[in-house]
Every structure is written in C-alpha cells, then in structure tokens.
Amino acid sequence: FQEWTGDLDRFPFLLILKRNGEQFILRAAF
C-alpha cells in the first residue's frame, strides 16, 4: 500500500505489516 522512504529511518520504532496471500506478518524494525 505504501513504499519505503528514507524518512521512515527517523522512527526509532517502526511497525511493518506485510501480506503474503492470505497470511500476514508483523515486523518491528527498532
């Protein structure tokens, strides 16, 4: 739905939702 941009590196905690078919993965980059 959105593209990665360098501004996202400014957040010390970033939650990422990824869909793979009918499955969903939550990833935290911190």
PDB file of all heavy atoms in Angstrom:
ATOM      1  N   PHE A   1       0.839  -1.193   0.000  1.00  0.00           N
ATOM      2  CA  PHE A   1       0.000   0.000   0.000  1.00  0.00           C
ATOM      3  C   PHE A   1       0.877   1.246   0.000  1.00  0.00           C
ATOM      4  O   PHE A   1       0.516   2.272  -0.576  1.00  0.00           O
ATOM      5  CB  PHE A   1      -0.910  -0.018   1.232  1.00  0.00           C
ATOM      6  CG  PHE A   1      -1.735   1.226   1.419  1.00  0.00           C
ATOM      7  CD1 PHE A   1      -2.756   1.541   0.534  1.00  0.00           C
ATOM      8  CD2 PHE A   1      -1.514   2.078   2.489  1.00  0.00           C
ATOM      9  CE1 PHE A   1      -3.523   2.692   0.712  1.00  0.00           C
ATOM     10  CE2 PHE A   1      -2.276   3.220   2.676  1.00  0.00           C
ATOM     11  CZ  PHE A   1      -3.287   3.526   1.771  1.00  0.00           C
ATOM     12  N   GLN A   2       2.051   1.119   0.627  1.00  0.00           N
ATOM     13  CA  GLN A   2       2.988   2.242   0.719  1.00  0.00           C
ATOM     14  C   GLN A   2       4.383   1.782   0.322  1.00  0.00           C
ATOM     15  O   GLN A   2       4.707   0.589   0.379  1.00  0.00           O
ATOM     16  CB  GLN A   2       3.014   2.779   2.153  1.00  0.00           C
ATOM     17  CG  GLN A   2       1.695   3.366   2.616  1.00  0.00           C
ATOM     18  CD  GLN A   2       1.557   3.314   4.122  1.00  0.00           C
ATOM     19  OE1 GLN A   2       1.552   2.242   4.721  1.00  0.00           O
ATOM     20  NE2 GLN A   2       1.440   4.464   4.757  1.00  0.00           N
ATOM     21  N   GLU A   3       5.202   2.713  -0.064  1.00  0.00           N
ATOM     22  CA  GLU A   3       6.586   2.434  -0.421  1.00  0.00           C
ATOM     23  C   GLU A   3       7.518   2.909   0.678  1.00  0.00           C
ATOM     24  O   GLU A   3       7.208   3.860   1.404  1.00  0.00           O
ATOM     25  CB  GLU A   3       6.962   3.141  -1.734  1.00  0.00           C
ATOM     26  CG  GLU A   3       6.265   2.570  -2.954  1.00  0.00           C
ATOM     27  CD  GLU A   3       6.724   3.250  -4.232  1.00  0.00           C
ATOM     28  OE1 GLU A   3       7.190   4.406  -4.148  1.00  0.00           O
ATOM     29  OE2 GLU A   3       6.614   2.635  -5.296  1.00  0.00           O
ATOM     30  N   TRP A   4       8.651   2.235   0.771  1.00  0.00           N
ATOM     31  CA  TRP A   4       9.651   2.642   1.755  1.00  0.00           C
ATOM     32  C   TRP A   4      10.261   3.972   1.340  1.00  0.00           C
ATOM     33  O   TRP A   4      10.558   4.217   0.176  1.00  0.00           O
ATOM     34  CB  TRP A   4      10.740   1.589   1.870  1.00  0.00           C
ATOM     35  CG  TRP A   4      11.701   1.883   2.972  1.00  0.00           C
ATOM     36  CD1 TRP A   4      12.797   2.695   2.930  1.00  0.00           C
ATOM     37  CD2 TRP A   4      11.611   1.403   4.313  1.00  0.00           C
ATOM     38  NE1 TRP A   4      13.407   2.743   4.146  1.00  0.00           N
ATOM     39  CE2 TRP A   4      12.699   1.972   5.024  1.00  0.00           C
ATOM     40  CE3 TRP A   4      10.721   0.568   4.984  1.00  0.00           C
ATOM     41  CZ2 TRP A   4      12.917   1.696   6.361  1.00  0.00           C
ATOM     42  CZ3 TRP A   4      10.943   0.297   6.316  1.00  0.00           C
ATOM     43  CH2 TRP A   4      12.030   0.865   6.993  1.00  0.00           C
ATOM     44  N   THR A   5      10.439   4.846   2.315  1.00  0.00           N
ATOM     45  CA  THR A   5      11.129   6.120   2.083  1.00  0.00           C
ATOM     46  C   THR A   5      12.124   6.341   3.215  1.00  0.00           C
ATOM     47  O   THR A   5      11.941   5.822   4.326  1.00  0.00           O
ATOM     48  CB  THR A   5      10.123   7.293   2.023  1.00  0.00           C
ATOM     49  OG1 THR A   5      10.828   8.536   1.966  1.00  0.00           O
ATOM     50  CG2 THR A   5       9.217   7.311   3.239  1.00  0.00           C
ATOM     51  N   GLY A   6      13.189   7.074   2.929  1.00  0.00           N
ATOM     52  CA  GLY A   6      14.240   7.279   3.914  1.00  0.00           C
ATOM     53  C   GLY A   6      13.760   7.936   5.197  1.00  0.00           C
ATOM     54  O   GLY A   6      14.358   7.758   6.259  1.00  0.00           O
ATOM     55  N   ASP A   7      12.655   8.691   5.114  1.00  0.00           N
ATOM     56  CA  ASP A   7      12.119   9.344   6.307  1.00  0.00           C
ATOM     57  C   ASP A   7      11.714   8.336   7.385  1.00  0.00           C
ATOM     58  O   ASP A   7      11.680   8.662   8.570  1.00  0.00           O
ATOM     59  CB  ASP A   7      10.899  10.204   5.952  1.00  0.00           C
ATOM     60  CG  ASP A   7      11.281  11.528   5.311  1.00  0.00           C
ATOM     61  OD1 ASP A   7      12.330  12.082   5.690  1.00  0.00           O
ATOM     62  OD2 ASP A   7      10.545  11.996   4.432  1.00  0.00           O
ATOM     63  N   LEU A   8      11.402   7.114   6.973  1.00  0.00           N
ATOM     64  CA  LEU A   8      10.991   6.100   7.948  1.00  0.00           C
ATOM     65  C   LEU A   8      12.131   5.714   8.879  1.00  0.00           C
ATOM     66  O   LEU A   8      11.896   5.217   9.987  1.00  0.00           O
ATOM     67  CB  LEU A   8      10.455   4.861   7.225  1.00  0.00           C
ATOM     68  CG  LEU A   8       9.145   5.075   6.464  1.00  0.00           C
ATOM     69  CD1 LEU A   8       8.817   3.862   5.606  1.00  0.00           C
ATOM     70  CD2 LEU A   8       7.996   5.351   7.431  1.00  0.00           C
ATOM     71  N   ASP A   9      13.368   5.949   8.454  1.00  0.00           N
ATOM     72  CA  ASP A   9      14.521   5.652   9.314  1.00  0.00           C
ATOM     73  C   ASP A   9      14.585   6.597  10.509  1.00  0.00           C
ATOM     74  O   ASP A   9      15.355   6.353  11.445  1.00  0.00           O
ATOM     75  CB  ASP A   9      15.820   5.750   8.506  1.00  0.00           C
ATOM     76  CG  ASP A   9      15.954   4.610   7.510  1.00  0.00           C
ATOM     77  OD1 ASP A   9      15.467   3.502   7.813  1.00  0.00           O
ATOM     78  OD2 ASP A   9      16.531   4.831   6.423  1.00  0.00           O
ATOM     79  N   ARG A  10      13.810   7.668  10.484  1.00  0.00           N
ATOM     80  CA  ARG A  10      13.816   8.621  11.598  1.00  0.00           C
ATOM     81  C   ARG A  10      13.072   8.081  12.819  1.00  0.00           C
ATOM     82  O   ARG A  10      13.211   8.601  13.914  1.00  0.00           O
ATOM     83  CB  ARG A  10      13.194   9.944  11.158  1.00  0.00           C
ATOM     84  CG  ARG A  10      13.937  10.622  10.025  1.00  0.00           C
ATOM     85  CD  ARG A  10      13.215  11.856   9.527  1.00  0.00           C
ATOM     86  NE  ARG A  10      13.193  12.928  10.522  1.00  0.00           N
ATOM     87  CZ  ARG A  10      12.659  14.122  10.307  1.00  0.00           C
ATOM     88  NH1 ARG A  10      12.099  14.381   9.144  1.00  0.00           N
ATOM     89  NH2 ARG A  10      12.663  15.042  11.255  1.00  0.00           N
ATOM     90  N   PHE A  11      12.247   7.047  12.600  1.00  0.00           N
ATOM     91  CA  PHE A  11      11.474   6.489  13.711  1.00  0.00           C
ATOM     92  C   PHE A  11      12.275   5.403  14.419  1.00  0.00           C
ATOM     93  O   PHE A  11      12.646   4.403  13.799  1.00  0.00           O
ATOM     94  CB  PHE A  11      10.158   5.898  13.208  1.00  0.00           C
ATOM     95  CG  PHE A  11       9.226   6.910  12.614  1.00  0.00           C
ATOM     96  CD1 PHE A  11       9.156   7.092  11.242  1.00  0.00           C
ATOM     97  CD2 PHE A  11       8.431   7.699  13.432  1.00  0.00           C
ATOM     98  CE1 PHE A  11       8.303   8.033  10.690  1.00  0.00           C
ATOM     99  CE2 PHE A  11       7.581   8.647  12.893  1.00  0.00           C
ATOM    100  CZ  PHE A  11       7.519   8.814  11.520  1.00  0.00           C
ATOM    101  N   PRO A  12      12.533   5.566  15.722  1.00  0.00           N
ATOM    102  CA  PRO A  12      13.273   4.527  16.438  1.00  0.00           C
ATOM    103  C   PRO A  12      12.500   3.220  16.572  1.00  0.00           C
ATOM    104  O   PRO A  12      13.084   2.182  16.843  1.00  0.00           O
ATOM    105  CB  PRO A  12      13.539   5.151  17.812  1.00  0.00           C
ATOM    106  CG  PRO A  12      12.546   6.247  17.950  1.00  0.00           C
ATOM    107  CD  PRO A  12      12.257   6.733  16.570  1.00  0.00           C
ATOM    108  N   PHE A  13      11.172   3.279  16.346  1.00  0.00           N
ATOM    109  CA  PHE A  13      10.365   2.058  16.315  1.00  0.00           C
ATOM    110  C   PHE A  13       9.409   2.133  15.133  1.00  0.00           C
ATOM    111  O   PHE A  13       8.612   3.065  15.027  1.00  0.00           O
ATOM    112  CB  PHE A  13       9.562   1.871  17.606  1.00  0.00           C
ATOM    113  CG  PHE A  13       8.795   0.577  17.655  1.00  0.00           C
ATOM    114  CD1 PHE A  13       9.351  -0.544  18.250  1.00  0.00           C
ATOM    115  CD2 PHE A  13       7.534   0.473  17.079  1.00  0.00           C
ATOM    116  CE1 PHE A  13       8.660  -1.743  18.274  1.00  0.00           C
ATOM    117  CE2 PHE A  13       6.839  -0.723  17.092  1.00  0.00           C
ATOM    118  CZ  PHE A  13       7.405  -1.840  17.698  1.00  0.00           C
ATOM    119  N   LEU A  14       9.502   1.149  14.240  1.00  0.00           N
ATOM    120  CA  LEU A  14       8.649   1.117  13.055  1.00  0.00           C
ATOM    121  C   LEU A  14       7.975  -0.243  12.967  1.00  0.00           C
ATOM    122  O   LEU A  14       8.635  -1.280  12.960  1.00  0.00           O
ATOM    123  CB  LEU A  14       9.477   1.367  11.791  1.00  0.00           C
ATOM    124  CG  LEU A  14       8.718   1.329  10.458  1.00  0.00           C
ATOM    125  CD1 LEU A  14       7.756   2.502  10.353  1.00  0.00           C
ATOM    126  CD2 LEU A  14       9.698   1.345   9.281  1.00  0.00           C
ATOM    127  N   LEU A  15       6.643  -0.240  12.909  1.00  0.00           N
ATOM    128  CA  LEU A  15       5.876  -1.465  12.736  1.00  0.00           C
ATOM    129  C   LEU A  15       5.532  -1.615  11.258  1.00  0.00           C
ATOM    130  O   LEU A  15       5.049  -0.676  10.627  1.00  0.00           O
ATOM    131  CB  LEU A  15       4.596  -1.415  13.569  1.00  0.00           C
ATOM    132  CG  LEU A  15       3.702  -2.659  13.485  1.00  0.00           C
ATOM    133  CD1 LEU A  15       4.381  -3.852  14.162  1.00  0.00           C
ATOM    134  CD2 LEU A  15       2.332  -2.394  14.118  1.00  0.00           C
ATOM    135  N   ILE A  16       5.781  -2.810  10.722  1.00  0.00           N
ATOM    136  CA  ILE A  16       5.562  -3.079   9.297  1.00  0.00           C
ATOM    137  C   ILE A  16       4.597  -4.258   9.169  1.00  0.00           C
ATOM    138  O   ILE A  16       4.819  -5.317   9.758  1.00  0.00           O
ATOM    139  CB  ILE A  16       6.888  -3.417   8.593  1.00  0.00           C
ATOM    140  CG1 ILE A  16       7.895  -2.282   8.783  1.00  0.00           C
ATOM    141  CG2 ILE A  16       6.653  -3.682   7.110  1.00  0.00           C
ATOM    142  CD1 ILE A  16       9.337  -2.689   8.607  1.00  0.00           C
ATOM    143  N   LEU A  17       3.518  -4.048   8.436  1.00  0.00           N
ATOM    144  CA  LEU A  17       2.569  -5.120   8.138  1.00  0.00           C
ATOM    145  C   LEU A  17       2.812  -5.584   6.706  1.00  0.00           C
ATOM    146  O   LEU A  17       2.848  -4.777   5.779  1.00  0.00           O
ATOM    147  CB  LEU A  17       1.130  -4.625   8.293  1.00  0.00           C
ATOM    148  CG  LEU A  17       0.026  -5.632   7.921  1.00  0.00           C
ATOM    149  CD1 LEU A  17       0.022  -6.813   8.881  1.00  0.00           C
ATOM    150  CD2 LEU A  17      -1.341  -4.947   7.907  1.00  0.00           C
ATOM    151  N   LYS A  18       2.970  -6.889   6.544  1.00  0.00           N
ATOM    152  CA  LYS A  18       3.203  -7.457   5.211  1.00  0.00           C
ATOM    153  C   LYS A  18       2.206  -8.577   4.957  1.00  0.00           C
ATOM    154  O   LYS A  18       1.986  -9.430   5.818  1.00  0.00           O
ATOM    155  CB  LYS A  18       4.626  -7.997   5.098  1.00  0.00           C
ATOM    156  CG  LYS A  18       4.959  -8.540   3.711  1.00  0.00           C
ATOM    157  CD  LYS A  18       6.405  -8.973   3.614  1.00  0.00           C
ATOM    158  CE  LYS A  18       6.746  -9.479   2.209  1.00  0.00           C
ATOM    159  NZ  LYS A  18       8.159  -9.896   2.103  1.00  0.00           N
ATOM    160  N   ARG A  19       1.602  -8.545   3.789  1.00  0.00           N
ATOM    161  CA  ARG A  19       0.650  -9.595   3.407  1.00  0.00           C
ATOM    162  C   ARG A  19       1.285 -10.526   2.395  1.00  0.00           C
ATOM    163  O   ARG A  19       1.909 -10.090   1.434  1.00  0.00           O
ATOM    164  CB  ARG A  19      -0.620  -8.970   2.832  1.00  0.00           C
ATOM    165  CG  ARG A  19      -1.686  -9.999   2.452  1.00  0.00           C
ATOM    166  CD  ARG A  19      -2.965  -9.338   1.976  1.00  0.00           C
ATOM    167  NE  ARG A  19      -3.991 -10.325   1.662  1.00  0.00           N
ATOM    168  CZ  ARG A  19      -5.217 -10.021   1.246  1.00  0.00           C
ATOM    169  NH1 ARG A  19      -5.564  -8.743   1.113  1.00  0.00           N
ATOM    170  NH2 ARG A  19      -6.094 -10.967   0.986  1.00  0.00           N
ATOM    171  N   ASN A  20       1.112 -11.822   2.628  1.00  0.00           N
ATOM    172  CA  ASN A  20       1.591 -12.838   1.700  1.00  0.00           C
ATOM    173  C   ASN A  20       0.426 -13.788   1.425  1.00  0.00           C
ATOM    174  O   ASN A  20       0.199 -14.736   2.161  1.00  0.00           O
ATOM    175  CB  ASN A  20       2.777 -13.598   2.306  1.00  0.00           C
ATOM    176  CG  ASN A  20       3.366 -14.599   1.331  1.00  0.00           C
ATOM    177  OD1 ASN A  20       3.080 -14.569   0.140  1.00  0.00           O
ATOM    178  ND2 ASN A  20       4.184 -15.507   1.843  1.00  0.00           N
ATOM    179  N   GLY A  21      -0.342 -13.490   0.375  1.00  0.00           N
ATOM    180  CA  GLY A  21      -1.542 -14.265   0.105  1.00  0.00           C
ATOM    181  C   GLY A  21      -2.595 -13.987   1.166  1.00  0.00           C
ATOM    182  O   GLY A  21      -3.038 -12.863   1.341  1.00  0.00           O
ATOM    183  N   GLU A  22      -2.966 -15.033   1.898  1.00  0.00           N
ATOM    184  CA  GLU A  22      -3.949 -14.895   2.976  1.00  0.00           C
ATOM    185  C   GLU A  22      -3.277 -14.789   4.343  1.00  0.00           C
ATOM    186  O   GLU A  22      -3.962 -14.795   5.365  1.00  0.00           O
ATOM    187  CB  GLU A  22      -4.916 -16.093   2.961  1.00  0.00           C
ATOM    188  CG  GLU A  22      -5.760 -16.191   1.692  1.00  0.00           C
ATOM    189  CD  GLU A  22      -6.663 -14.976   1.510  1.00  0.00           C
ATOM    190  OE1 GLU A  22      -7.475 -14.701   2.404  1.00  0.00           O
ATOM    191  OE2 GLU A  22      -6.531 -14.299   0.462  1.00  0.00           O
ATOM    192  N   GLN A  23      -1.960 -14.713   4.357  1.00  0.00           N
ATOM    193  CA  GLN A  23      -1.218 -14.635   5.610  1.00  0.00           C
ATOM    194  C   GLN A  23      -0.680 -13.218   5.828  1.00  0.00           C
ATOM    195  O   GLN A  23      -0.412 -12.488   4.874  1.00  0.00           O
ATOM    196  CB  GLN A  23      -0.056 -15.632   5.609  1.00  0.00           C
ATOM    197  CG  GLN A  23      -0.496 -17.090   5.534  1.00  0.00           C
ATOM    198  CD  GLN A  23      -1.364 -17.479   6.708  1.00  0.00           C
ATOM    199  OE1 GLN A  23      -1.027 -17.205   7.859  1.00  0.00           O
ATOM    200  NE2 GLN A  23      -2.497 -18.125   6.420  1.00  0.00           N
ATOM    201  N   PHE A  24      -0.518 -12.875   7.104  1.00  0.00           N
ATOM    202  CA  PHE A  24       0.003 -11.555   7.464  1.00  0.00           C
ATOM    203  C   PHE A  24       1.157 -11.702   8.452  1.00  0.00           C
ATOM    204  O   PHE A  24       1.093 -12.515   9.385  1.00  0.00           O
ATOM    205  CB  PHE A  24      -1.093 -10.695   8.105  1.00  0.00           C
ATOM    206  CG  PHE A  24      -2.174 -10.291   7.158  1.00  0.00           C
ATOM    207  CD1 PHE A  24      -3.305 -11.080   6.996  1.00  0.00           C
ATOM    208  CD2 PHE A  24      -2.065  -9.127   6.405  1.00  0.00           C
ATOM    209  CE1 PHE A  24      -4.308 -10.716   6.126  1.00  0.00           C
ATOM    210  CE2 PHE A  24      -3.070  -8.757   5.526  1.00  0.00           C
ATOM    211  CZ  PHE A  24      -4.194  -9.546   5.383  1.00  0.00           C
ATOM    212  N   ILE A  25       2.193 -10.913   8.216  1.00  0.00           N
ATOM    213  CA  ILE A  25       3.355 -10.906   9.101  1.00  0.00           C
ATOM    214  C   ILE A  25       3.547  -9.499   9.657  1.00  0.00           C
ATOM    215  O   ILE A  25       3.482  -8.511   8.908  1.00  0.00           O
ATOM    216  CB  ILE A  25       4.634 -11.340   8.351  1.00  0.00           C
ATOM    217  CG1 ILE A  25       4.487 -12.785   7.853  1.00  0.00           C
ATOM    218  CG2 ILE A  25       5.859 -11.207   9.239  1.00  0.00           C
ATOM    219  CD1 ILE A  25       5.618 -13.234   6.947  1.00  0.00           C
ATOM    220  N   LEU A  26       3.749  -9.411  10.953  1.00  0.00           N
ATOM    221  CA  LEU A  26       4.093  -8.148  11.606  1.00  0.00           C
ATOM    222  C   LEU A  26       5.596  -8.144  11.844  1.00  0.00           C
ATOM    223  O   LEU A  26       6.147  -9.095  12.394  1.00  0.00           O
ATOM    224  CB  LEU A  26       3.374  -8.021  12.945  1.00  0.00           C
ATOM    225  CG  LEU A  26       1.859  -7.793  12.904  1.00  0.00           C
ATOM    226  CD1 LEU A  26       1.279  -7.962  14.305  1.00  0.00           C
ATOM    227  CD2 LEU A  26       1.542  -6.403  12.371  1.00  0.00           C
ATOM    228  N   ARG A  27       6.242  -7.075  11.437  1.00  0.00           N
ATOM    229  CA  ARG A  27       7.690  -6.963  11.661  1.00  0.00           C
ATOM    230  C   ARG A  27       7.992  -5.642  12.345  1.00  0.00           C
ATOM    231  O   ARG A  27       7.455  -4.596  11.944  1.00  0.00           O
ATOM    232  CB  ARG A  27       8.452  -7.063  10.342  1.00  0.00           C
ATOM    233  CG  ARG A  27       9.972  -7.149  10.524  1.00  0.00           C
ATOM    234  CD  ARG A  27      10.679  -7.537   9.254  1.00  0.00           C
ATOM    235  NE  ARG A  27      10.801  -6.434   8.311  1.00  0.00           N
ATOM    236  CZ  ARG A  27      10.143  -6.337   7.176  1.00  0.00           C
ATOM    237  NH1 ARG A  27       9.279  -7.274   6.831  1.00  0.00           N
ATOM    238  NH2 ARG A  27      10.323  -5.305   6.366  1.00  0.00           N
ATOM    239  N   ALA A  28       8.809  -5.676  13.349  1.00  0.00           N
ATOM    240  CA  ALA A  28       9.237  -4.459  14.039  1.00  0.00           C
ATOM    241  C   ALA A  28      10.694  -4.181  13.701  1.00  0.00           C
ATOM    242  O   ALA A  28      11.551  -5.055  13.848  1.00  0.00           O
ATOM    243  CB  ALA A  28       9.079  -4.623  15.547  1.00  0.00           C
ATOM    244  N   ALA A  29      10.962  -2.973  13.200  1.00  0.00           N
ATOM    245  CA  ALA A  29      12.331  -2.507  12.981  1.00  0.00           C
ATOM    246  C   ALA A  29      12.588  -1.436  14.029  1.00  0.00           C
ATOM    247  O   ALA A  29      11.891  -0.431  14.063  1.00  0.00           O
ATOM    248  CB  ALA A  29      12.488  -1.943  11.570  1.00  0.00           C
ATOM    249  N   PHE A  30      13.559  -1.672  14.903  1.00  0.00           N
ATOM    250  CA  PHE A  30      13.711  -0.790  16.057  1.00  0.00           C
ATOM    251  C   PHE A  30      15.179  -0.574  16.414  1.00  0.00           C
ATOM    252  O   PHE A  30      16.057  -1.339  16.019  1.00  0.00           O
ATOM    253  CB  PHE A  30      12.968  -1.375  17.262  1.00  0.00           C
ATOM    254  CG  PHE A  30      13.471  -2.732  17.701  1.00  0.00           C
ATOM    255  CD1 PHE A  30      14.356  -2.863  18.759  1.00  0.00           C
ATOM    256  CD2 PHE A  30      13.053  -3.880  17.048  1.00  0.00           C
ATOM    257  CE1 PHE A  30      14.816  -4.104  19.154  1.00  0.00           C
ATOM    258  CE2 PHE A  30      13.500  -5.137  17.443  1.00  0.00           C
ATOM    259  CZ  PHE A  30      14.383  -5.246  18.503  1.00  0.00           C
TER     260      PHE A  30
END
